[in-house]
Amino acid sequence: MTYAADCHPCRRCWSARASPQSGWALVSVLWALTAIALLAAAAQSLTATSYDAERRALDAAQAQSVLDAAVTRAVLGISDRRPRARWRVDGTARMFVFRDAAVRILVQDELGRVDLNAASAATIRQVFLGQGLELDAATRLSDRIADWREAPGPGRLNGGSDADYKAAGLAYVPRHGAFQTVEELRLVLGMTASLFAKVRGALTVYSHRPTFDPAVATPQALAVLYPDDPEKIAQILRARAEAGANDLAGPILPAPGHAFTIEAEIARRGRTYRRCAVIELTGDAQRPFFALAWQ
């Protein structure tokens, strides 16, 4: 091939003779490289995300196993026949170390709460008064609780009949039977979320007794006894904490049929895991307890 004297093969003539498909080929290659890079980045991100998810799942599984072990240890602690080794059951916190993990445990005797099914309406009214409710409002709620748990009848002056629930636009009526859980109290006419949060700690459905034990009573239950004396309640709680710090044992060895709430908490990698179990002792060495509630 010959060129004019002033023509250079690497300039306009060469460009004019180049194939028009060569530019598109280059663009295609660049797009392919970009796509590969994006796929690689996505794969790397997916791998990292998958690793994080698997690590969180592993942490959660390990934490749950430790919490289960903590519940079992608490059962052994509260039923220990050695008085000096027996755990306290008045809500005093203690630490339990298992597999190099520190678990914070609270054990609360359900005898330290007011039983929604066994306590009188007057006692339940005191629960509300202890949390600052006015007398009329406390009486109205305690009467409605009594109407909820008892067979249908003429009803109380301040109670809640089936007709009252229907008139309020609710899609249900009172059970006319025993409360199955404390959370069922939320359904009682007039009960609010904020009030329930205040009285929840004072109530149970597991003691089956008309009274509660002040020696192991929760702060909310103590307010039934000392509604106008918060300093007295604080004094009792300080004495319990001091006794717990000195490893003083609980008062008695619980009998079979006795119920306790066990709360365990553990922190791992910036997350907090919790277990709340209500257990009942059986007296059977092969199966020392069974769960009434497990969360």
C-alpha atoms as a PDB file:
ATOM      1  CA  MET A   1       0.000   0.000   0.000  1.00  0.00           C
ATOM      2  CA  THR A   2       1.293   3.466  -0.922  1.00  0.00           C
ATOM      3  CA  TYR A   3       0.496   6.802   0.650  1.00  0.00           C
ATOM      4  CA  ALA A   4       0.864  10.388  -0.447  1.00  0.00           C
ATOM      5  CA  ALA A   5       4.070  12.085   0.606  1.00  0.00           C
ATOM      6  CA  ASP A   6       2.340  14.106   3.295  1.00  0.00           C
ATOM      7  CA  CYS A   7       0.121  11.229   4.473  1.00  0.00           C
ATOM      8  CA  HIS A   8       0.989   9.357   7.678  1.00  0.00           C
ATOM      9  CA  PRO A   9      -0.526   5.882   8.208  1.00  0.00           C
ATOM     10  CA  CYS A  10      -1.159   6.471  11.920  1.00  0.00           C
ATOM     11  CA  ARG A  11      -3.241   9.568  11.480  1.00  0.00           C
ATOM     12  CA  ARG A  12      -6.402  10.447   9.503  1.00  0.00           C
ATOM     13  CA  CYS A  13      -5.987   7.870   6.747  1.00  0.00           C
ATOM     14  CA  TRP A  14      -5.513   5.047   9.207  1.00  0.00           C
ATOM     15  CA  SER A  15      -8.455   6.256  11.275  1.00  0.00           C
ATOM     16  CA  ALA A  16     -10.625   6.470   8.197  1.00  0.00           C
ATOM     17  CA  ARG A  17      -9.713   2.916   7.211  1.00  0.00           C
ATOM     18  CA  ALA A  18     -10.314   1.476  10.760  1.00  0.00           C
ATOM     19  CA  SER A  19     -13.354  -0.782  11.191  1.00  0.00           C
ATOM     20  CA  PRO A  20     -16.398   0.997  12.790  1.00  0.00           C
ATOM     21  CA  GLN A  21     -17.026  -2.178  14.857  1.00  0.00           C
ATOM     22  CA  SER A  22     -13.719  -1.785  16.727  1.00  0.00           C
ATOM     23  CA  GLY A  23     -15.114   1.046  18.916  1.00  0.00           C
ATOM     24  CA  TRP A  24     -18.169  -0.979  19.864  1.00  0.00           C
ATOM     25  CA  ALA A  25     -15.947  -3.925  20.706  1.00  0.00           C
ATOM     26  CA  LEU A  26     -13.953  -1.768  23.079  1.00  0.00           C
ATOM     27  CA  VAL A  27     -17.126  -0.467  24.713  1.00  0.00           C
ATOM     28  CA  SER A  28     -18.394  -4.031  25.090  1.00  0.00           C
ATOM     29  CA  VAL A  29     -15.163  -5.095  26.746  1.00  0.00           C
ATOM     30  CA  LEU A  30     -15.357  -2.159  29.157  1.00  0.00           C
ATOM     31  CA  TRP A  31     -18.990  -2.975  30.012  1.00  0.00           C
ATOM     32  CA  ALA A  32     -18.075  -6.619  30.579  1.00  0.00           C
ATOM     33  CA  LEU A  33     -15.214  -5.646  32.895  1.00  0.00           C
ATOM     34  CA  THR A  34     -17.513  -3.285  34.798  1.00  0.00           C
ATOM     35  CA  ALA A  35     -20.138  -6.005  35.176  1.00  0.00           C
ATOM     36  CA  ILE A  36     -17.542  -8.459  36.448  1.00  0.00           C
ATOM     37  CA  ALA A  37     -16.273  -5.883  38.947  1.00  0.00           C
ATOM     38  CA  LEU A  38     -19.811  -5.228  40.155  1.00  0.00           C
ATOM     39  CA  LEU A  39     -20.490  -8.953  40.523  1.00  0.00           C
ATOM     40  CA  ALA A  40     -17.277  -9.380  42.466  1.00  0.00           C
ATOM     41  CA  ALA A  41     -18.183  -6.491  44.782  1.00  0.00           C
ATOM     42  CA  ALA A  42     -21.691  -7.889  45.252  1.00  0.00           C
ATOM     43  CA  ALA A  43     -20.308 -11.330  46.021  1.00  0.00           C
ATOM     44  CA  GLN A  44     -17.904  -9.863  48.538  1.00  0.00           C
ATOM     45  CA  SER A  45     -20.695  -7.844  50.174  1.00  0.00           C
ATOM     46  CA  LEU A  46     -22.965 -10.897  50.238  1.00  0.00           C
ATOM     47  CA  THR A  47     -20.196 -12.965  51.809  1.00  0.00           C
ATOM     48  CA  ALA A  48     -19.622 -10.345  54.503  1.00  0.00           C
ATOM     49  CA  THR A  49     -23.356 -10.027  55.166  1.00  0.00           C
ATOM     50  CA  SER A  50     -23.736 -13.786  55.324  1.00  0.00           C
ATOM     51  CA  TYR A  51     -20.799 -14.010  57.716  1.00  0.00           C
ATOM     52  CA  ASP A  52     -22.277 -11.321  59.978  1.00  0.00           C
ATOM     53  CA  ALA A  53     -25.668 -13.049  59.956  1.00  0.00           C
ATOM     54  CA  GLU A  54     -24.110 -16.408  60.762  1.00  0.00           C
ATOM     55  CA  ARG A  55     -22.020 -14.892  63.543  1.00  0.00           C
ATOM     56  CA  ARG A  56     -25.101 -13.216  65.053  1.00  0.00           C
ATOM     57  CA  ALA A  57     -27.007 -16.488  64.828  1.00  0.00           C
ATOM     58  CA  LEU A  58     -24.128 -18.335  66.497  1.00  0.00           C
ATOM     59  CA  ASP A  59     -23.887 -15.674  69.237  1.00  0.00           C
ATOM     60  CA  ALA A  60     -27.631 -15.913  69.828  1.00  0.00           C
ATOM     61  CA  ALA A  61     -27.531 -19.708  70.000  1.00  0.00           C
ATOM     62  CA  GLN A  62     -24.617 -19.662  72.428  1.00  0.00           C
ATOM     63  CA  ALA A  63     -26.285 -16.988  74.555  1.00  0.00           C
ATOM     64  CA  GLN A  64     -29.539 -18.939  74.701  1.00  0.00           C
ATOM     65  CA  SER A  65     -27.713 -22.067  75.825  1.00  0.00           C
ATOM     66  CA  VAL A  66     -26.003 -20.091  78.582  1.00  0.00           C
ATOM     67  CA  LEU A  67     -29.336 -18.599  79.661  1.00  0.00           C
ATOM     68  CA  ASP A  68     -30.898 -22.060  79.787  1.00  0.00           C
ATOM     69  CA  ALA A  69     -28.002 -23.199  81.955  1.00  0.00           C
ATOM     70  CA  ALA A  70     -28.535 -20.172  84.198  1.00  0.00           C
ATOM     71  CA  VAL A  71     -32.185 -21.120  84.758  1.00  0.00           C
ATOM     72  CA  THR A  72     -31.165 -24.663  85.693  1.00  0.00           C
ATOM     73  CA  ARG A  73     -28.488 -23.331  88.045  1.00  0.00           C
ATOM     74  CA  ALA A  74     -31.027 -21.046  89.698  1.00  0.00           C
ATOM     75  CA  VAL A  75     -33.375 -23.995  90.298  1.00  0.00           C
ATOM     76  CA  LEU A  76     -30.532 -25.871  91.973  1.00  0.00           C
ATOM     77  CA  GLY A  77     -29.668 -22.775  93.989  1.00  0.00           C
ATOM     78  CA  ILE A  78     -33.116 -22.116  95.404  1.00  0.00           C
ATOM     79  CA  SER A  79     -33.680 -25.786  96.251  1.00  0.00           C
ATOM     80  CA  ASP A  80     -30.234 -26.352  97.814  1.00  0.00           C
ATOM     81  CA  ARG A  81     -30.650 -28.116 101.154  1.00  0.00           C
ATOM     82  CA  ARG A  82     -27.571 -26.396 102.549  1.00  0.00           C
ATOM     83  CA  PRO A  83     -28.874 -23.193 104.170  1.00  0.00           C
ATOM     84  CA  ARG A  84     -25.709 -21.175 103.514  1.00  0.00           C
ATOM     85  CA  ALA A  85     -25.650 -22.184  99.855  1.00  0.00           C
ATOM     86  CA  ARG A  86     -29.327 -21.536  99.156  1.00  0.00           C
ATOM     87  CA  TRP A  87     -30.120 -18.679  96.779  1.00  0.00           C
ATOM     88  CA  ARG A  88     -32.265 -15.728  97.752  1.00  0.00           C
ATOM     89  CA  VAL A  89     -35.705 -15.522  96.118  1.00  0.00           C
ATOM     90  CA  ASP A  90     -36.674 -11.908  96.822  1.00  0.00           C
ATOM     91  CA  GLY A  91     -35.527 -10.451  93.508  1.00  0.00           C
ATOM     92  CA  THR A  92     -31.973  -9.779  94.676  1.00  0.00           C
ATOM     93  CA  ALA A  93     -29.587  -9.854  91.703  1.00  0.00           C
ATOM     94  CA  ARG A  94     -26.588 -12.172  91.606  1.00  0.00           C
ATOM     95  CA  MET A  95     -23.970 -13.104  89.019  1.00  0.00           C
ATOM     96  CA  PHE A  96     -23.422 -16.562  87.578  1.00  0.00           C
ATOM     97  CA  VAL A  97     -20.419 -17.397  85.401  1.00  0.00           C
ATOM     98  CA  PHE A  98     -20.776 -20.164  82.823  1.00  0.00           C
ATOM     99  CA  ARG A  99     -18.390 -20.833  79.920  1.00  0.00           C
ATOM    100  CA  ASP A 100     -16.567 -17.575  80.705  1.00  0.00           C
ATOM    101  CA  ALA A 101     -19.861 -15.702  80.325  1.00  0.00           C
ATOM    102  CA  ALA A 102     -21.243 -13.603  83.182  1.00  0.00           C
ATOM    103  CA  VAL A 103     -25.007 -13.901  83.599  1.00  0.00           C
ATOM    104  CA  ARG A 104     -27.089 -11.641  85.808  1.00  0.00           C
ATOM    105  CA  ILE A 105     -29.876 -13.607  87.507  1.00  0.00           C
ATOM    106  CA  LEU A 106     -32.928 -12.570  89.514  1.00  0.00           C
ATOM    107  CA  VAL A 107     -35.140 -15.080  91.288  1.00  0.00           C
ATOM    108  CA  GLN A 108     -38.553 -13.904  92.471  1.00  0.00           C
ATOM    109  CA  ASP A 109     -40.768 -16.046  94.660  1.00  0.00           C
ATOM    110  CA  GLU A 110     -44.318 -15.839  93.314  1.00  0.00           C
ATOM    111  CA  LEU A 111     -45.538 -15.825  96.923  1.00  0.00           C
ATOM    112  CA  GLY A 112     -44.258 -12.265  96.964  1.00  0.00           C
ATOM    113  CA  ARG A 113     -46.996 -11.112  94.602  1.00  0.00           C
ATOM    114  CA  VAL A 114     -50.767 -10.653  94.785  1.00  0.00           C
ATOM    115  CA  ASP A 115     -52.649 -13.465  93.064  1.00  0.00           C
ATOM    116  CA  LEU A 116     -55.214 -12.122  90.584  1.00  0.00           C
ATOM    117  CA  ASN A 117     -57.439 -15.154  91.082  1.00  0.00           C
ATOM    118  CA  ALA A 118     -57.112 -15.776  94.828  1.00  0.00           C
ATOM    119  CA  ALA A 119     -56.824 -12.297  96.348  1.00  0.00           C
ATOM    120  CA  SER A 120     -59.906 -10.392  97.437  1.00  0.00           C
ATOM    121  CA  ALA A 121     -61.152  -7.381  95.515  1.00  0.00           C
ATOM    122  CA  ALA A 122     -60.098  -5.251  98.484  1.00  0.00           C
ATOM    123  CA  THR A 123     -56.494  -6.485  98.264  1.00  0.00           C
ATOM    124  CA  ILE A 124     -56.397  -5.911  94.531  1.00  0.00           C
ATOM    125  CA  ARG A 125     -57.774  -2.427  95.093  1.00  0.00           C
ATOM    126  CA  GLN A 126     -54.804  -1.785  97.397  1.00  0.00           C
ATOM    127  CA  VAL A 127     -52.464  -2.718  94.547  1.00  0.00           C
ATOM    128  CA  PHE A 128     -53.870   0.132  92.472  1.00  0.00           C
ATOM    129  CA  LEU A 129     -53.917   2.538  95.402  1.00  0.00           C
ATOM    130  CA  GLY A 130     -50.262   1.701  96.053  1.00  0.00           C
ATOM    131  CA  GLN A 131     -49.444   2.916  92.535  1.00  0.00           C
ATOM    132  CA  GLY A 132     -51.155   6.249  93.064  1.00  0.00           C
ATOM    133  CA  LEU A 133     -54.611   5.592  91.610  1.00  0.00           C
ATOM    134  CA  GLU A 134     -57.545   7.459  93.117  1.00  0.00           C
ATOM    135  CA  LEU A 135     -59.940   5.491  95.319  1.00  0.00           C
ATOM    136  CA  ASP A 136     -62.878   5.576  92.884  1.00  0.00           C
ATOM    137  CA  ALA A 137     -60.760   4.437  89.953  1.00  0.00           C
ATOM    138  CA  ALA A 138     -59.072   1.717  92.040  1.00  0.00           C
ATOM    139  CA  THR A 139     -62.450   0.434  93.259  1.00  0.00           C
ATOM    140  CA  ARG A 140     -63.871   0.403  89.748  1.00  0.00           C
ATOM    141  CA  LEU A 141     -60.952  -1.632  88.383  1.00  0.00           C
ATOM    142  CA  SER A 142     -60.887  -4.109  91.277  1.00  0.00           C
ATOM    143  CA  ASP A 143     -64.625  -4.715  90.846  1.00  0.00           C
ATOM    144  CA  ARG A 144     -64.174  -5.277  87.123  1.00  0.00           C
ATOM    145  CA  ILE A 145     -61.402  -7.765  87.837  1.00  0.00           C
ATOM    146  CA  ALA A 146     -63.718  -9.626  90.197  1.00  0.00           C
ATOM    147  CA  ASP A 147     -66.422  -9.683  87.516  1.00  0.00           C
ATOM    148  CA  TRP A 148     -63.905 -10.976  84.965  1.00  0.00           C
ATOM    149  CA  ARG A 149     -62.845 -13.970  87.045  1.00  0.00           C
ATOM    150  CA  GLU A 150     -66.233 -14.935  88.494  1.00  0.00           C
ATOM    151  CA  ALA A 151     -69.304 -16.591  87.008  1.00  0.00           C
ATOM    152  CA  PRO A 152     -71.918 -14.319  85.415  1.00  0.00           C
ATOM    153  CA  GLY A 153     -74.236 -12.744  87.939  1.00  0.00           C
ATOM    154  CA  PRO A 154     -75.925  -9.489  88.834  1.00  0.00           C
ATOM    155  CA  GLY A 155     -72.532  -7.789  88.794  1.00  0.00           C
ATOM    156  CA  ARG A 156     -71.077  -5.152  91.076  1.00  0.00           C
ATOM    157  CA  LEU A 157     -71.962  -1.516  91.203  1.00  0.00           C
ATOM    158  CA  ASN A 158     -68.634  -0.503  89.686  1.00  0.00           C
ATOM    159  CA  GLY A 159     -68.018  -3.738  87.803  1.00  0.00           C
ATOM    160  CA  GLY A 160     -67.995  -4.639  84.147  1.00  0.00           C
ATOM    161  CA  SER A 161     -70.801  -6.781  82.801  1.00  0.00           C
ATOM    162  CA  ASP A 162     -70.953  -8.334  79.346  1.00  0.00           C
ATOM    163  CA  ALA A 163     -73.214  -5.472  78.309  1.00  0.00           C
ATOM    164  CA  ASP A 164     -70.627  -2.914  79.481  1.00  0.00           C
ATOM    165  CA  TYR A 165     -67.971  -4.456  77.252  1.00  0.00           C
ATOM    166  CA  LYS A 166     -70.303  -4.508  74.267  1.00  0.00           C
ATOM    167  CA  ALA A 167     -71.320  -0.910  74.932  1.00  0.00           C
ATOM    168  CA  ALA A 168     -67.629   0.036  74.915  1.00  0.00           C
ATOM    169  CA  GLY A 169     -67.356  -1.421  71.400  1.00  0.00           C
ATOM    170  CA  LEU A 170     -65.139  -4.328  72.450  1.00  0.00           C
ATOM    171  CA  ALA A 171     -65.272  -7.596  70.520  1.00  0.00           C
ATOM    172  CA  TYR A 172     -65.090  -9.732  73.678  1.00  0.00           C
ATOM    173  CA  VAL A 173     -66.715 -10.098  77.076  1.00  0.00           C
ATOM    174  CA  PRO A 174     -65.244 -11.133  80.459  1.00  0.00           C
ATOM    175  CA  ARG A 175     -63.910 -14.672  80.716  1.00  0.00           C
ATOM    176  CA  HIS A 176     -65.970 -15.410  83.852  1.00  0.00           C
ATOM    177  CA  GLY A 177     -63.164 -17.702  84.878  1.00  0.00           C
ATOM    178  CA  ALA A 178     -59.669 -17.575  86.313  1.00  0.00           C
ATOM    179  CA  PHE A 179     -57.045 -15.350  84.716  1.00  0.00           C
ATOM    180  CA  GLN A 180     -54.691 -17.562  82.720  1.00  0.00           C
ATOM    181  CA  THR A 181     -51.846 -15.024  82.726  1.00  0.00           C
ATOM    182  CA  VAL A 182     -51.236 -11.639  84.294  1.00  0.00           C
ATOM    183  CA  GLU A 183     -51.142 -10.202  80.754  1.00  0.00           C
ATOM    184  CA  GLU A 184     -54.828 -11.070  80.432  1.00  0.00           C
ATOM    185  CA  LEU A 185     -55.462  -8.161  82.798  1.00  0.00           C
ATOM    186  CA  ARG A 186     -54.860  -5.891  79.800  1.00  0.00           C
ATOM    187  CA  LEU A 187     -58.284  -6.955  78.489  1.00  0.00           C
ATOM    188  CA  VAL A 188     -60.203  -5.752  81.533  1.00  0.00           C
ATOM    189  CA  LEU A 189     -62.353  -2.720  80.776  1.00  0.00           C
ATOM    190  CA  GLY A 190     -60.562   0.469  81.810  1.00  0.00           C
ATOM    191  CA  MET A 191     -57.068  -1.007  82.057  1.00  0.00           C
ATOM    192  CA  THR A 192     -54.469   1.136  80.280  1.00  0.00           C
ATOM    193  CA  ALA A 193     -50.996   0.195  79.100  1.00  0.00           C
ATOM    194  CA  SER A 194     -49.307   2.677  81.442  1.00  0.00           C
ATOM    195  CA  LEU A 195     -51.237   1.473  84.495  1.00  0.00           C
ATOM    196  CA  PHE A 196     -50.587  -2.165  83.634  1.00  0.00           C
ATOM    197  CA  ALA A 197     -46.844  -1.455  83.452  1.00  0.00           C
ATOM    198  CA  LYS A 198     -46.989  -0.009  86.978  1.00  0.00           C
ATOM    199  CA  VAL A 199     -48.892  -2.885  88.612  1.00  0.00           C
ATOM    200  CA  ARG A 200     -47.466  -5.807  86.610  1.00  0.00           C
ATOM    201  CA  GLY A 201     -44.711  -6.525  89.118  1.00  0.00           C
ATOM    202  CA  ALA A 202     -47.195  -6.823  91.989  1.00  0.00           C
ATOM    203  CA  LEU A 203     -49.366  -9.505  90.390  1.00  0.00           C
ATOM    204  CA  THR A 204     -49.264 -13.225  89.691  1.00  0.00           C
ATOM    205  CA  VAL A 205     -51.507 -16.145  88.818  1.00  0.00           C
ATOM    206  CA  TYR A 206     -49.162 -18.760  90.290  1.00  0.00           C
ATOM    207  CA  SER A 207     -49.268 -18.420  94.086  1.00  0.00           C
ATOM    208  CA  HIS A 208     -52.919 -19.538  94.495  1.00  0.00           C
ATOM    209  CA  ARG A 209     -53.049 -17.776  97.871  1.00  0.00           C
ATOM    210  CA  PRO A 210     -55.224 -14.888  99.053  1.00  0.00           C
ATOM    211  CA  THR A 211     -52.261 -13.115 100.701  1.00  0.00           C
ATOM    212  CA  PHE A 212     -48.613 -12.524  99.860  1.00  0.00           C
ATOM    213  CA  ASP A 213     -45.372 -12.910 101.794  1.00  0.00           C
ATOM    214  CA  PRO A 214     -43.788  -9.525 102.715  1.00  0.00           C
ATOM    215  CA  ALA A 215     -40.394 -11.181 103.243  1.00  0.00           C
ATOM    216  CA  VAL A 216     -40.075 -11.815  99.496  1.00  0.00           C
ATOM    217  CA  ALA A 217     -42.541  -9.245  98.162  1.00  0.00           C
ATOM    218  CA  THR A 218     -41.738  -7.238  95.048  1.00  0.00           C
ATOM    219  CA  PRO A 219     -41.413  -3.445  95.370  1.00  0.00           C
ATOM    220  CA  GLN A 220     -44.869  -3.047  93.783  1.00  0.00           C
ATOM    221  CA  ALA A 221     -46.384  -5.523  96.244  1.00  0.00           C
ATOM    222  CA  LEU A 222     -44.681  -3.781  99.162  1.00  0.00           C
ATOM    223  CA  ALA A 223     -46.536  -0.640  98.086  1.00  0.00           C
ATOM    224  CA  VAL A 224     -49.734  -2.455  99.125  1.00  0.00           C
ATOM    225  CA  LEU A 225     -48.418  -2.489 102.698  1.00  0.00           C
ATOM    226  CA  TYR A 226     -46.728   0.923 102.615  1.00  0.00           C
ATOM    227  CA  PRO A 227     -48.674   3.007 100.075  1.00  0.00           C
ATOM    228  CA  ASP A 228     -47.582   6.315 101.586  1.00  0.00           C
ATOM    229  CA  ASP A 229     -44.107   5.358 102.759  1.00  0.00           C
ATOM    230  CA  PRO A 230     -41.698   4.940  99.819  1.00  0.00           C
ATOM    231  CA  GLU A 231     -38.734   5.355 102.173  1.00  0.00           C
ATOM    232  CA  LYS A 232     -39.819   2.244 104.074  1.00  0.00           C
ATOM    233  CA  ILE A 233     -39.881   0.284 100.820  1.00  0.00           C
ATOM    234  CA  ALA A 234     -36.457   1.619  99.865  1.00  0.00           C
ATOM    235  CA  GLN A 235     -35.128   0.601 103.279  1.00  0.00           C
ATOM    236  CA  ILE A 236     -36.379  -2.968 102.825  1.00  0.00           C
ATOM    237  CA  LEU A 237     -34.833  -3.195  99.369  1.00  0.00           C
ATOM    238  CA  ARG A 238     -31.497  -1.864 100.642  1.00  0.00           C
ATOM    239  CA  ALA A 239     -31.488  -4.471 103.402  1.00  0.00           C
ATOM    240  CA  ARG A 240     -32.121  -7.221 100.845  1.00  0.00           C
ATOM    241  CA  ALA A 241     -29.313  -5.985  98.596  1.00  0.00           C
ATOM    242  CA  GLU A 242     -26.932  -5.921 101.559  1.00  0.00           C
ATOM    243  CA  ALA A 243     -27.947  -9.444 102.545  1.00  0.00           C
ATOM    244  CA  GLY A 244     -27.381 -10.599  98.973  1.00  0.00           C
ATOM    245  CA  ALA A 245     -23.952  -8.968  98.882  1.00  0.00           C
ATOM    246  CA  ASN A 246     -23.053 -10.864 102.037  1.00  0.00           C
ATOM    247  CA  ASP A 247     -24.338 -14.140 100.568  1.00  0.00           C
ATOM    248  CA  LEU A 248     -27.013 -14.555 103.216  1.00  0.00           C
ATOM    249  CA  ALA A 249     -29.302 -17.411 102.235  1.00  0.00           C
ATOM    250  CA  GLY A 250     -32.981 -17.335 101.477  1.00  0.00           C
ATOM    251  CA  PRO A 251     -35.433 -17.880 104.322  1.00  0.00           C
ATOM    252  CA  ILE A 252     -36.814 -21.371 103.720  1.00  0.00           C
ATOM    253  CA  LEU A 253     -36.424 -24.455 101.591  1.00  0.00           C
ATOM    254  CA  PRO A 254     -39.304 -24.293  99.083  1.00  0.00           C
ATOM    255  CA  ALA A 255     -41.766 -27.152  98.885  1.00  0.00           C
ATOM    256  CA  PRO A 256     -42.939 -28.941  95.727  1.00  0.00           C
ATOM    257  CA  GLY A 257     -45.562 -26.927  93.891  1.00  0.00           C
ATOM    258  CA  HIS A 258     -43.810 -23.674  94.724  1.00  0.00           C
ATOM    259  CA  ALA A 259     -43.479 -21.289  91.751  1.00  0.00           C
ATOM    260  CA  PHE A 260     -40.687 -18.840  90.964  1.00  0.00           C
ATOM    261  CA  THR A 261     -39.882 -16.383  88.217  1.00  0.00           C
ATOM    262  CA  ILE A 262     -36.272 -16.573  87.045  1.00  0.00           C
ATOM    263  CA  GLU A 263     -34.849 -13.769  84.919  1.00  0.00           C
ATOM    264  CA  ALA A 264     -31.426 -14.165  83.316  1.00  0.00           C
ATOM    265  CA  GLU A 265     -29.541 -11.619  81.224  1.00  0.00           C
ATOM    266  CA  ILE A 266     -26.280 -11.777  79.282  1.00  0.00           C
ATOM    267  CA  ALA A 267     -24.462  -9.301  77.004  1.00  0.00           C
ATOM    268  CA  ARG A 268     -22.530 -10.497  73.946  1.00  0.00           C
ATOM    269  CA  ARG A 269     -20.953  -8.362  71.202  1.00  0.00           C
ATOM    270  CA  GLY A 270     -23.011  -5.307  72.061  1.00  0.00           C
ATOM    271  CA  ARG A 271     -26.323  -7.187  72.234  1.00  0.00           C
ATOM    272  CA  THR A 272     -28.304  -8.200  75.308  1.00  0.00           C
ATOM    273  CA  TYR A 273     -30.077 -11.545  75.511  1.00  0.00           C
ATOM    274  CA  ARG A 274     -32.706 -12.335  78.138  1.00  0.00           C
ATOM    275  CA  ARG A 275     -34.581 -15.333  79.435  1.00  0.00           C
ATOM    276  CA  CYS A 276     -37.664 -15.080  81.654  1.00  0.00           C
ATOM    277  CA  ALA A 277     -39.027 -18.357  82.961  1.00  0.00           C
ATOM    278  CA  VAL A 278     -41.694 -19.203  85.493  1.00  0.00           C
ATOM    279  CA  ILE A 279     -40.954 -22.608  86.949  1.00  0.00           C
ATOM    280  CA  GLU A 280     -42.666 -24.850  89.473  1.00  0.00           C
ATOM    281  CA  LEU A 281     -40.679 -27.213  91.671  1.00  0.00           C
ATOM    282  CA  THR A 282     -41.723 -30.848  91.519  1.00  0.00           C
ATOM    283  CA  GLY A 283     -39.694 -32.537  94.238  1.00  0.00           C
ATOM    284  CA  ASP A 284     -38.624 -35.139  91.667  1.00  0.00           C
ATOM    285  CA  ALA A 285     -34.855 -35.546  91.437  1.00  0.00           C
ATOM    286  CA  GLN A 286     -35.145 -36.739  87.836  1.00  0.00           C
ATOM    287  CA  ARG A 287     -37.216 -33.757  86.792  1.00  0.00           C
ATOM    288  CA  PRO A 288     -36.842 -31.087  89.492  1.00  0.00           C
ATOM    289  CA  PHE A 289     -39.070 -28.508  87.793  1.00  0.00           C
ATOM    290  CA  PHE A 290     -41.346 -27.863  84.883  1.00  0.00           C
ATOM    291  CA  ALA A 291     -41.931 -24.588  83.088  1.00  0.00           C
ATOM    292  CA  LEU A 292     -45.158 -22.670  83.508  1.00  0.00           C
ATOM    293  CA  ALA A 293     -43.933 -19.910  81.181  1.00  0.00           C
ATOM    294  CA  TRP A 294     -40.784 -19.570  79.069  1.00  0.00           C
ATOM    295  CA  GLN A 295     -39.666 -16.501  77.127  1.00  0.00           C
END
